[in-house]
Amino acid sequence: MTNTTAQPRNPLHGKTLEALVTELADFYGWEGLGERINIRCFTHDPSVSSSLKFLRKTPWARDKVESLYLFMLRDTRRAERGF
């Protein structure tokens, strides 16, 4: 038996940082992402690879990306239900 715990209700479980950045960039666009999280890797010549380099070394910025991702999920689910 393995000692891993399933996290079925955690939307971040199993998601890579690359997947988060890609989904956010697809949803908001780089300009919109830079407006919501004002960090240079999103506002000046943004790309997934340059963003990942910065985010992997900067825990506070990674936390902001994760928070925005969760907000995006809540917002899209709310819109789907018509609230």
PDB file of N, CA and C in Angstrom:
ATOM      1  N   MET A   1       0.850  -1.177   0.000  1.00  0.00           N
ATOM      2  CA  MET A   1       0.000   0.000   0.000  1.00  0.00           C
ATOM      3  C   MET A   1       0.894   1.239   0.000  1.00  0.00           C
ATOM      4  N   THR A   2       0.580   2.191  -0.849  1.00  0.00           N
ATOM      5  CA  THR A   2       1.377   3.414  -0.920  1.00  0.00           C
ATOM      6  C   THR A   2       0.905   4.412   0.121  1.00  0.00           C
ATOM      7  N   ASN A   3       1.781   5.339   0.445  1.00  0.00           N
ATOM      8  CA  ASN A   3       1.479   6.321   1.477  1.00  0.00           C
ATOM      9  C   ASN A   3       1.072   7.663   0.875  1.00  0.00           C
ATOM     10  N   THR A   4       0.489   7.651  -0.314  1.00  0.00           N
ATOM     11  CA  THR A   4       0.016   8.892  -0.907  1.00  0.00           C
ATOM     12  C   THR A   4      -1.444   9.086  -0.543  1.00  0.00           C
ATOM     13  N   THR A   5      -1.806  10.328  -0.323  1.00  0.00           N
ATOM     14  CA  THR A   5      -3.190  10.617   0.017  1.00  0.00           C
ATOM     15  C   THR A   5      -3.867  11.259  -1.174  1.00  0.00           C
ATOM     16  N   ALA A   6      -5.039  10.780  -1.473  1.00  0.00           N
ATOM     17  CA  ALA A   6      -5.816  11.353  -2.569  1.00  0.00           C
ATOM     18  C   ALA A   6      -6.414  12.675  -2.120  1.00  0.00           C
ATOM     19  N   GLN A   7      -6.467  13.592  -3.039  1.00  0.00           N
ATOM     20  CA  GLN A   7      -7.057  14.896  -2.745  1.00  0.00           C
ATOM     21  C   GLN A   7      -8.108  15.217  -3.810  1.00  0.00           C
ATOM     22  N   PRO A   8      -9.204  14.503  -3.786  1.00  0.00           N
ATOM     23  CA  PRO A   8     -10.180  14.662  -4.875  1.00  0.00           C
ATOM     24  C   PRO A   8     -10.812  16.050  -4.943  1.00  0.00           C
ATOM     25  N   ARG A   9     -10.833  16.794  -3.852  1.00  0.00           N
ATOM     26  CA  ARG A   9     -11.482  18.103  -3.860  1.00  0.00           C
ATOM     27  C   ARG A   9     -10.483  19.258  -3.980  1.00  0.00           C
ATOM     28  N   ASN A  10      -9.210  18.942  -4.156  1.00  0.00           N
ATOM     29  CA  ASN A  10      -8.196  19.978  -4.316  1.00  0.00           C
ATOM     30  C   ASN A  10      -7.944  20.188  -5.806  1.00  0.00           C
ATOM     31  N   PRO A  11      -8.402  21.321  -6.368  1.00  0.00           N
ATOM     32  CA  PRO A  11      -8.243  21.530  -7.812  1.00  0.00           C
ATOM     33  C   PRO A  11      -6.788  21.723  -8.245  1.00  0.00           C
ATOM     34  N   LEU A  12      -5.886  21.984  -7.309  1.00  0.00           N
ATOM     35  CA  LEU A  12      -4.475  22.138  -7.655  1.00  0.00           C
ATOM     36  C   LEU A  12      -3.730  20.806  -7.660  1.00  0.00           C
ATOM     37  N   HIS A  13      -4.327  19.784  -7.052  1.00  0.00           N
ATOM     38  CA  HIS A  13      -3.667  18.486  -6.953  1.00  0.00           C
ATOM     39  C   HIS A  13      -3.433  17.896  -8.344  1.00  0.00           C
ATOM     40  N   GLY A  14      -2.189  17.576  -8.638  1.00  0.00           N
ATOM     41  CA  GLY A  14      -1.853  16.977  -9.914  1.00  0.00           C
ATOM     42  C   GLY A  14      -1.619  17.966 -11.037  1.00  0.00           C
ATOM     43  N   LYS A  15      -1.813  19.247 -10.778  1.00  0.00           N
ATOM     44  CA  LYS A  15      -1.596  20.285 -11.789  1.00  0.00           C
ATOM     45  C   LYS A  15      -0.167  20.781 -11.696  1.00  0.00           C
ATOM     46  N   THR A  16       0.488  20.882 -12.819  1.00  0.00           N
ATOM     47  CA  THR A  16       1.833  21.443 -12.822  1.00  0.00           C
ATOM     48  C   THR A  16       1.749  22.959 -12.898  1.00  0.00           C
ATOM     49  N   LEU A  17       2.820  23.602 -12.496  1.00  0.00           N
ATOM     50  CA  LEU A  17       2.884  25.057 -12.590  1.00  0.00           C
ATOM     51  C   LEU A  17       2.746  25.484 -14.051  1.00  0.00           C
ATOM     52  N   GLU A  18       3.319  24.718 -14.947  1.00  0.00           N
ATOM     53  CA  GLU A  18       3.209  25.018 -16.375  1.00  0.00           C
ATOM     54  C   GLU A  18       1.749  24.982 -16.832  1.00  0.00           C
ATOM     55  N   ALA A  19       0.994  24.008 -16.355  1.00  0.00           N
ATOM     56  CA  ALA A  19      -0.418  23.908 -16.714  1.00  0.00           C
ATOM     57  C   ALA A  19      -1.199  25.104 -16.182  1.00  0.00           C
ATOM     58  N   LEU A  20      -0.896  25.533 -14.954  1.00  0.00           N
ATOM     59  CA  LEU A  20      -1.583  26.688 -14.380  1.00  0.00           C
ATOM     60  C   LEU A  20      -1.326  27.936 -15.209  1.00  0.00           C
ATOM     61  N   VAL A  21      -0.054  28.200 -15.509  1.00  0.00           N
ATOM     62  CA  VAL A  21       0.305  29.403 -16.268  1.00  0.00           C
ATOM     63  C   VAL A  21      -0.327  29.359 -17.652  1.00  0.00           C
ATOM     64  N   THR A  22      -0.286  28.204 -18.284  1.00  0.00           N
ATOM     65  CA  THR A  22      -0.858  28.069 -19.625  1.00  0.00           C
ATOM     66  C   THR A  22      -2.356  28.318 -19.618  1.00  0.00           C
ATOM     67  N   GLU A  23      -3.058  27.725 -18.656  1.00  0.00           N
ATOM     68  CA  GLU A  23      -4.510  27.918 -18.585  1.00  0.00           C
ATOM     69  C   GLU A  23      -4.863  29.367 -18.274  1.00  0.00           C
ATOM     70  N   LEU A  24      -4.121  29.988 -17.377  1.00  0.00           N
ATOM     71  CA  LEU A  24      -4.380  31.393 -17.051  1.00  0.00           C
ATOM     72  C   LEU A  24      -4.117  32.293 -18.252  1.00  0.00           C
ATOM     73  N   ALA A  25      -3.026  32.056 -18.964  1.00  0.00           N
ATOM     74  CA  ALA A  25      -2.704  32.858 -20.144  1.00  0.00           C
ATOM     75  C   ALA A  25      -3.757  32.657 -21.241  1.00  0.00           C
ATOM     76  N   ASP A  26      -4.241  31.435 -21.386  1.00  0.00           N
ATOM     77  CA  ASP A  26      -5.291  31.169 -22.378  1.00  0.00           C
ATOM     78  C   ASP A  26      -6.599  31.856 -21.992  1.00  0.00           C
ATOM     79  N   PHE A  27      -6.909  31.860 -20.719  1.00  0.00           N
ATOM     80  CA  PHE A  27      -8.175  32.419 -20.238  1.00  0.00           C
ATOM     81  C   PHE A  27      -8.164  33.949 -20.240  1.00  0.00           C
ATOM     82  N   TYR A  28      -7.130  34.545 -19.652  1.00  0.00           N
ATOM     83  CA  TYR A  28      -7.073  35.999 -19.501  1.00  0.00           C
ATOM     84  C   TYR A  28      -6.269  36.689 -20.603  1.00  0.00           C
ATOM     85  N   GLY A  29      -5.406  35.951 -21.290  1.00  0.00           N
ATOM     86  CA  GLY A  29      -4.442  36.564 -22.197  1.00  0.00           C
ATOM     87  C   GLY A  29      -3.283  37.097 -21.359  1.00  0.00           C
ATOM     88  N   TRP A  30      -2.127  37.306 -21.993  1.00  0.00           N
ATOM     89  CA  TRP A  30      -0.964  37.769 -21.228  1.00  0.00           C
ATOM     90  C   TRP A  30      -1.204  39.155 -20.646  1.00  0.00           C
ATOM     91  N   GLU A  31      -1.881  40.027 -21.407  1.00  0.00           N
ATOM     92  CA  GLU A  31      -2.135  41.380 -20.904  1.00  0.00           C
ATOM     93  C   GLU A  31      -3.047  41.334 -19.680  1.00  0.00           C
ATOM     94  N   GLY A  32      -4.112  40.552 -19.762  1.00  0.00           N
ATOM     95  CA  GLY A  32      -5.024  40.417 -18.629  1.00  0.00           C
ATOM     96  C   GLY A  32      -4.358  39.771 -17.432  1.00  0.00           C
ATOM     97  N   LEU A  33      -3.494  38.820 -17.688  1.00  0.00           N
ATOM     98  CA  LEU A  33      -2.763  38.166 -16.604  1.00  0.00           C
ATOM     99  C   LEU A  33      -1.827  39.158 -15.923  1.00  0.00           C
ATOM    100  N   GLY A  34      -1.149  39.989 -16.731  1.00  0.00           N
ATOM    101  CA  GLY A  34      -0.267  41.021 -16.190  1.00  0.00           C
ATOM    102  C   GLY A  34      -1.014  42.080 -15.396  1.00  0.00           C
ATOM    103  N   GLU A  35      -2.274  42.349 -15.767  1.00  0.00           N
ATOM    104  CA  GLU A  35      -3.088  43.300 -15.012  1.00  0.00           C
ATOM    105  C   GLU A  35      -3.488  42.717 -13.659  1.00  0.00           C
ATOM    106  N   ARG A  36      -3.757  41.451 -13.626  1.00  0.00           N
ATOM    107  CA  ARG A  36      -4.200  40.807 -12.385  1.00  0.00           C
ATOM    108  C   ARG A  36      -3.039  40.478 -11.448  1.00  0.00           C
ATOM    109  N   ILE A  37      -1.894  40.097 -12.021  1.00  0.00           N
ATOM    110  CA  ILE A  37      -0.691  39.829 -11.231  1.00  0.00           C
ATOM    111  C   ILE A  37       0.416  40.656 -11.870  1.00  0.00           C
ATOM    112  N   ASN A  38       0.696  41.797 -11.295  1.00  0.00           N
ATOM    113  CA  ASN A  38       1.629  42.744 -11.898  1.00  0.00           C
ATOM    114  C   ASN A  38       3.074  42.356 -11.585  1.00  0.00           C
ATOM    115  N   ILE A  39       3.558  41.366 -12.320  1.00  0.00           N
ATOM    116  CA  ILE A  39       4.966  40.978 -12.217  1.00  0.00           C
ATOM    117  C   ILE A  39       5.552  40.966 -13.625  1.00  0.00           C
ATOM    118  N   ARG A  40       6.805  41.282 -13.700  1.00  0.00           N
ATOM    119  CA  ARG A  40       7.483  41.505 -14.975  1.00  0.00           C
ATOM    120  C   ARG A  40       7.378  40.332 -15.944  1.00  0.00           C
ATOM    121  N   CYS A  41       7.393  39.119 -15.447  1.00  0.00           N
ATOM    122  CA  CYS A  41       7.349  37.966 -16.351  1.00  0.00           C
ATOM    123  C   CYS A  41       6.008  37.864 -17.083  1.00  0.00           C
ATOM    124  N   PHE A  42       4.991  38.589 -16.622  1.00  0.00           N
ATOM    125  CA  PHE A  42       3.696  38.611 -17.305  1.00  0.00           C
ATOM    126  C   PHE A  42       3.488  39.896 -18.099  1.00  0.00           C
ATOM    127  N   THR A  43       4.269  40.934 -17.825  1.00  0.00           N
ATOM    128  CA  THR A  43       4.017  42.222 -18.462  1.00  0.00           C
ATOM    129  C   THR A  43       5.039  42.607 -19.520  1.00  0.00           C
ATOM    130  N   HIS A  44       6.236  42.054 -19.493  1.00  0.00           N
ATOM    131  CA  HIS A  44       7.284  42.412 -20.442  1.00  0.00           C
ATOM    132  C   HIS A  44       7.760  41.173 -21.190  1.00  0.00           C
ATOM    133  N   ASP A  45       7.389  41.079 -22.457  1.00  0.00           N
ATOM    134  CA  ASP A  45       7.774  39.954 -23.312  1.00  0.00           C
ATOM    135  C   ASP A  45       7.466  38.609 -22.646  1.00  0.00           C
ATOM    136  N   PRO A  46       6.194  38.372 -22.294  1.00  0.00           N
ATOM    137  CA  PRO A  46       5.843  37.161 -21.534  1.00  0.00           C
ATOM    138  C   PRO A  46       5.900  35.892 -22.375  1.00  0.00           C
ATOM    139  N   SER A  47       6.256  34.830 -21.707  1.00  0.00           N
ATOM    140  CA  SER A  47       6.180  33.483 -22.288  1.00  0.00           C
ATOM    141  C   SER A  47       6.036  32.494 -21.135  1.00  0.00           C
ATOM    142  N   VAL A  48       5.586  31.317 -21.459  1.00  0.00           N
ATOM    143  CA  VAL A  48       5.426  30.298 -20.420  1.00  0.00           C
ATOM    144  C   VAL A  48       6.787  29.963 -19.817  1.00  0.00           C
ATOM    145  N   SER A  49       7.798  29.773 -20.650  1.00  0.00           N
ATOM    146  CA  SER A  49       9.097  29.348 -20.121  1.00  0.00           C
ATOM    147  C   SER A  49       9.740  30.425 -19.237  1.00  0.00           C
ATOM    148  N   SER A  50       9.672  31.694 -19.639  1.00  0.00           N
ATOM    149  CA  SER A  50      10.265  32.736 -18.794  1.00  0.00           C
ATOM    150  C   SER A  50       9.486  32.891 -17.491  1.00  0.00           C
ATOM    151  N   SER A  51       8.177  32.735 -17.567  1.00  0.00           N
ATOM    152  CA  SER A  51       7.357  32.822 -16.359  1.00  0.00           C
ATOM    153  C   SER A  51       7.687  31.693 -15.393  1.00  0.00           C
ATOM    154  N   LEU A  52       7.870  30.487 -15.934  1.00  0.00           N
ATOM    155  CA  LEU A  52       8.174  29.338 -15.074  1.00  0.00           C
ATOM    156  C   LEU A  52       9.511  29.519 -14.364  1.00  0.00           C
ATOM    157  N   LYS A  53      10.496  30.052 -15.058  1.00  0.00           N
ATOM    158  CA  LYS A  53      11.800  30.282 -14.427  1.00  0.00           C
ATOM    159  C   LYS A  53      11.659  31.191 -13.215  1.00  0.00           C
ATOM    160  N   PHE A  54      10.895  32.265 -13.370  1.00  0.00           N
ATOM    161  CA  PHE A  54      10.703  33.209 -12.271  1.00  0.00           C
ATOM    162  C   PHE A  54       9.851  32.591 -11.158  1.00  0.00           C
ATOM    163  N   LEU A  55       8.744  31.987 -11.527  1.00  0.00           N
ATOM    164  CA  LEU A  55       7.804  31.472 -10.532  1.00  0.00           C
ATOM    165  C   LEU A  55       8.389  30.333  -9.706  1.00  0.00           C
ATOM    166  N   ARG A  56       9.248  29.533 -10.297  1.00  0.00           N
ATOM    167  CA  ARG A  56       9.858  28.428  -9.552  1.00  0.00           C
ATOM    168  C   ARG A  56      10.815  28.923  -8.478  1.00  0.00           C
ATOM    169  N   LYS A  57      11.355  30.130  -8.661  1.00  0.00           N
ATOM    170  CA  LYS A  57      12.300  30.690  -7.680  1.00  0.00           C
ATOM    171  C   LYS A  57      11.637  31.660  -6.713  1.00  0.00           C
ATOM    172  N   THR A  58      10.346  31.966  -6.927  1.00  0.00           N
ATOM    173  CA  THR A  58       9.698  33.040  -6.178  1.00  0.00           C
ATOM    174  C   THR A  58       8.383  32.543  -5.582  1.00  0.00           C
ATOM    175  N   PRO A  59       8.433  32.047  -4.342  1.00  0.00           N
ATOM    176  CA  PRO A  59       7.226  31.462  -3.740  1.00  0.00           C
ATOM    177  C   PRO A  59       6.031  32.415  -3.644  1.00  0.00           C
ATOM    178  N   TRP A  60       6.258  33.695  -3.334  1.00  0.00           N
ATOM    179  CA  TRP A  60       5.119  34.620  -3.208  1.00  0.00           C
ATOM    180  C   TRP A  60       4.417  34.801  -4.548  1.00  0.00           C
ATOM    181  N   ALA A  61       5.165  34.806  -5.640  1.00  0.00           N
ATOM    182  CA  ALA A  61       4.557  34.957  -6.960  1.00  0.00           C
ATOM    183  C   ALA A  61       3.802  33.683  -7.349  1.00  0.00           C
ATOM    184  N   ARG A  62       4.378  32.534  -7.016  1.00  0.00           N
ATOM    185  CA  ARG A  62       3.702  31.265  -7.287  1.00  0.00           C
ATOM    186  C   ARG A  62       2.386  31.199  -6.519  1.00  0.00           C
ATOM    187  N   ASP A  63       2.371  31.683  -5.279  1.00  0.00           N
ATOM    188  CA  ASP A  63       1.134  31.717  -4.489  1.00  0.00           C
ATOM    189  C   ASP A  63       0.072  32.575  -5.168  1.00  0.00           C
ATOM    190  N   LYS A  64       0.489  33.696  -5.741  1.00  0.00           N
ATOM    191  CA  LYS A  64      -0.456  34.566  -6.450  1.00  0.00           C
ATOM    192  C   LYS A  64      -1.038  33.865  -7.676  1.00  0.00           C
ATOM    193  N   VAL A  65      -0.208  33.132  -8.397  1.00  0.00           N
ATOM    194  CA  VAL A  65      -0.671  32.393  -9.569  1.00  0.00           C
ATOM    195  C   VAL A  65      -1.680  31.321  -9.149  1.00  0.00           C
ATOM    196  N   GLU A  66      -1.373  30.597  -8.085  1.00  0.00           N
ATOM    197  CA  GLU A  66      -2.291  29.562  -7.603  1.00  0.00           C
ATOM    198  C   GLU A  66      -3.610  30.173  -7.147  1.00  0.00           C
ATOM    199  N   SER A  67      -3.557  31.301  -6.459  1.00  0.00           N
ATOM    200  CA  SER A  67      -4.777  31.970  -6.004  1.00  0.00           C
ATOM    201  C   SER A  67      -5.625  32.444  -7.172  1.00  0.00           C
ATOM    202  N   LEU A  68      -4.983  33.028  -8.184  1.00  0.00           N
ATOM    203  CA  LEU A  68      -5.731  33.481  -9.354  1.00  0.00           C
ATOM    204  C   LEU A  68      -6.334  32.300 -10.097  1.00  0.00           C
ATOM    205  N   TYR A  69      -5.622  31.190 -10.158  1.00  0.00           N
ATOM    206  CA  TYR A  69      -6.149  29.994 -10.815  1.00  0.00           C
ATOM    207  C   TYR A  69      -7.411  29.509 -10.097  1.00  0.00           C
ATOM    208  N   LEU A  70      -7.371  29.461  -8.776  1.00  0.00           N
ATOM    209  CA  LEU A  70      -8.549  29.041  -8.010  1.00  0.00           C
ATOM    210  C   LEU A  70      -9.708  30.012  -8.212  1.00  0.00           C
ATOM    211  N   PHE A  71      -9.410  31.308  -8.262  1.00  0.00           N
ATOM    212  CA  PHE A  71     -10.442  32.312  -8.511  1.00  0.00           C
ATOM    213  C   PHE A  71     -11.067  32.095  -9.893  1.00  0.00           C
ATOM    214  N   MET A  72     -10.221  31.839 -10.897  1.00  0.00           N
ATOM    215  CA  MET A  72     -10.710  31.601 -12.249  1.00  0.00           C
ATOM    216  C   MET A  72     -11.646  30.394 -12.271  1.00  0.00           C
ATOM    217  N   LEU A  73     -11.263  29.317 -11.578  1.00  0.00           N
ATOM    218  CA  LEU A  73     -12.127  28.129 -11.537  1.00  0.00           C
ATOM    219  C   LEU A  73     -13.467  28.433 -10.890  1.00  0.00           C
ATOM    220  N   ARG A  74     -13.444  29.146  -9.757  1.00  0.00           N
ATOM    221  CA  ARG A  74     -14.698  29.508  -9.085  1.00  0.00           C
ATOM    222  C   ARG A  74     -15.562  30.379  -9.987  1.00  0.00           C
ATOM    223  N   ASP A  75     -14.936  31.340 -10.641  1.00  0.00           N
ATOM    224  CA  ASP A  75     -15.654  32.273 -11.497  1.00  0.00           C
ATOM    225  C   ASP A  75     -16.297  31.552 -12.683  1.00  0.00           C
ATOM    226  N   THR A  76     -15.578  30.636 -13.314  1.00  0.00           N
ATOM    227  CA  THR A  76     -16.141  29.924 -14.464  1.00  0.00           C
ATOM    228  C   THR A  76     -17.243  28.968 -14.024  1.00  0.00           C
ATOM    229  N   ARG A  77     -17.084  28.335 -12.876  1.00  0.00           N
ATOM    230  CA  ARG A  77     -18.159  27.447 -12.383  1.00  0.00           C
ATOM    231  C   ARG A  77     -19.409  28.248 -12.047  1.00  0.00           C
ATOM    232  N   ARG A  78     -19.219  29.407 -11.453  1.00  0.00           N
ATOM    233  CA  ARG A  78     -20.332  30.281 -11.114  1.00  0.00           C
ATOM    234  C   ARG A  78     -21.042  30.725 -12.391  1.00  0.00           C
ATOM    235  N   ALA A  79     -20.302  31.069 -13.410  1.00  0.00           N
ATOM    236  CA  ALA A  79     -20.889  31.505 -14.666  1.00  0.00           C
ATOM    237  C   ALA A  79     -21.653  30.362 -15.358  1.00  0.00           C
ATOM    238  N   GLU A  80     -21.129  29.154 -15.252  1.00  0.00           N
ATOM    239  CA  GLU A  80     -21.787  28.002 -15.848  1.00  0.00           C
ATOM    240  C   GLU A  80     -23.139  27.733 -15.194  1.00  0.00           C
ATOM    241  N   ARG A  81     -23.228  28.000 -13.893  1.00  0.00           N
ATOM    242  CA  ARG A  81     -24.483  27.771 -13.169  1.00  0.00           C
ATOM    243  C   ARG A  81     -25.447  28.937 -13.323  1.00  0.00           C
ATOM    244  N   GLY A  82     -24.965  30.041 -13.859  1.00  0.00           N
ATOM    245  CA  GLY A  82     -25.843  31.179 -14.090  1.00  0.00           C
ATOM    246  C   GLY A  82     -25.992  32.119 -12.921  1.00  0.00           C
ATOM    247  N   PHE A  83     -25.033  32.120 -11.978  1.00  0.00           N
ATOM    248  CA  PHE A  83     -25.117  33.022 -10.837  1.00  0.00           C
ATOM    249  C   PHE A  83     -24.427  34.314 -11.127  1.00  0.00           C
TER     250      PHE A  83
END
